[in-house]
């Protein structure tokens, strides 16, 4: 089950999406597709749960938080990437941001509100 997000961030099909941008590249993290294995990998890499990382991103989107979200998004997308690889590719010189959005039944990820 995906981490709990405020009702205002939920689509009618209950499929919230986190969009992470790093250096003009977007990574979509559809929370409904996060498996327990990926959640465990995130906890091992970050020392905290994915839901806590998402909450931190809303108030303190520092590069360590961004790296965790990118790692989770890439793992959900099927990439066999390590956290160390992702973490070393993001610096304070990177342009980055996080938006909360809602998925829909089409599989498209609309722009976050």
Protein backbone atom coordinates (compact mmCIF):
# COMPACT_ATOMS: atom_id res chain seq x y z
CA UNK A 1 0.00 0.00 0.00
CA UNK A 2 1.43 3.41 -0.88
CA UNK A 3 2.33 5.84 1.88
CA UNK A 4 -0.59 7.90 3.15
CA UNK A 5 -0.83 11.31 1.54
CA UNK A 6 -3.33 14.06 2.30
CA UNK A 7 -6.70 13.56 0.63
CA UNK A 8 -6.10 16.65 -1.50
CA UNK A 9 -3.20 14.85 -3.22
CA UNK A 10 -5.15 11.72 -4.08
CA UNK A 11 -6.66 11.01 -7.45
CA UNK A 12 -10.10 9.47 -7.56
CA UNK A 13 -8.42 6.13 -8.27
CA UNK A 14 -6.12 6.63 -5.26
CA UNK A 15 -2.94 6.76 -7.34
CA UNK A 16 -0.75 9.69 -6.21
CA UNK A 17 2.40 10.46 -8.17
CA UNK A 18 5.53 12.31 -7.11
CA UNK A 19 7.40 14.05 -9.96
CA UNK A 20 11.07 14.77 -9.30
CA UNK A 21 13.07 17.01 -11.63
CA UNK A 22 16.87 16.99 -11.67
CA UNK A 23 18.84 18.94 -14.26
CA UNK A 24 15.87 19.15 -16.66
CA UNK A 25 15.12 15.43 -16.41
CA UNK A 26 11.83 14.28 -14.87
CA UNK A 27 11.39 11.13 -12.84
CA UNK A 28 7.86 10.00 -12.00
CA UNK A 29 7.25 7.99 -8.86
CA UNK A 30 3.77 6.44 -9.00
CA UNK A 31 3.26 5.45 -5.39
CA UNK A 32 0.80 2.72 -6.30
CA UNK A 33 3.64 0.86 -8.01
CA UNK A 34 6.07 0.91 -5.07
CA UNK A 35 6.61 -2.68 -3.94
CA UNK A 36 7.58 -3.75 -0.46
CA UNK A 37 11.04 -4.62 -1.81
CA UNK A 38 11.54 -1.08 -3.10
CA UNK A 39 10.17 0.38 0.14
CA UNK A 40 12.70 -1.75 2.04
CA UNK A 41 15.54 -0.63 -0.26
CA UNK A 42 14.56 3.00 0.36
CA UNK A 43 14.50 2.47 4.13
CA UNK A 44 17.92 0.80 4.02
CA UNK A 45 19.40 3.56 1.85
CA UNK A 46 17.80 6.51 3.61
CA UNK A 47 17.35 5.28 7.16
CA UNK A 48 13.69 6.32 7.02
CA UNK A 49 10.50 5.27 5.28
CA UNK A 50 9.42 6.48 1.86
CA UNK A 51 6.42 8.26 3.40
CA UNK A 52 8.77 10.24 5.67
CA UNK A 53 10.99 11.10 2.71
CA UNK A 54 7.95 12.38 0.80
CA UNK A 55 6.86 14.48 3.79
CA UNK A 56 10.40 15.89 4.06
CA UNK A 57 10.39 16.76 0.35
CA UNK A 58 7.41 19.04 0.91
CA UNK A 59 9.13 21.04 3.64
CA UNK A 60 12.88 20.46 3.17
CA UNK A 61 13.70 19.22 -0.32
CA UNK A 62 17.45 19.00 0.22
CA UNK A 63 19.67 16.95 -2.10
CA UNK A 64 19.65 13.85 0.11
CA UNK A 65 15.84 13.77 -0.01
CA UNK A 66 15.86 14.34 -3.78
CA UNK A 67 18.34 11.47 -4.22
CA UNK A 68 16.10 9.07 -2.30
CA UNK A 69 13.06 9.99 -4.40
CA UNK A 70 15.00 9.64 -7.66
CA UNK A 71 16.31 6.27 -6.48
CA UNK A 72 12.77 5.06 -5.71
CA UNK A 73 11.44 6.36 -9.05
CA UNK A 74 14.19 4.66 -11.02
CA UNK A 75 13.71 1.38 -9.13
CA UNK A 76 9.94 1.49 -9.80
CA UNK A 77 10.76 2.09 -13.49
CA UNK A 78 12.73 -1.18 -13.42
CA UNK A 79 16.25 0.22 -13.45
CA UNK A 80 18.83 -1.82 -11.55
CA UNK A 81 20.46 1.28 -10.12
CA UNK A 82 22.09 1.53 -6.71
CA UNK A 83 21.46 4.32 -4.25
CA UNK A 84 25.17 5.18 -4.33
CA UNK A 85 24.99 5.73 -8.10
CA UNK A 86 21.99 8.04 -7.78
CA UNK A 87 23.34 9.86 -4.75
CA UNK A 88 26.68 10.61 -6.42
CA UNK A 89 24.95 12.06 -9.50
CA UNK A 90 23.13 14.84 -7.59
CA UNK A 91 24.86 17.88 -6.13
CA UNK A 92 23.98 21.37 -4.95
CA UNK A 93 24.92 22.44 -8.47
CA UNK A 94 22.05 20.37 -9.83
CA UNK A 95 18.76 22.05 -10.54
CA UNK A 96 16.06 20.08 -8.75
CA UNK A 97 12.49 20.16 -7.56
CA UNK A 98 9.59 18.00 -6.41
CA UNK A 99 5.90 18.22 -7.28
CA UNK A 100 3.01 16.17 -5.99
CA UNK A 101 0.51 15.11 -8.62
CA UNK A 102 -2.25 12.65 -9.29
CA UNK A 103 -2.23 9.79 -11.75
CA UNK A 104 -5.23 8.80 -13.80
CA UNK A 105 -6.57 5.75 -15.56
CA UNK A 106 -4.88 6.64 -18.86
CA UNK A 107 -1.40 5.94 -17.50
CA UNK A 108 -0.43 9.54 -18.22
CA UNK A 109 1.03 11.61 -15.43
CA UNK A 110 -0.53 15.07 -15.59
CA UNK A 111 1.32 18.14 -14.47
CA UNK A 112 1.30 18.37 -10.71
CA UNK A 113 -0.92 20.97 -9.14
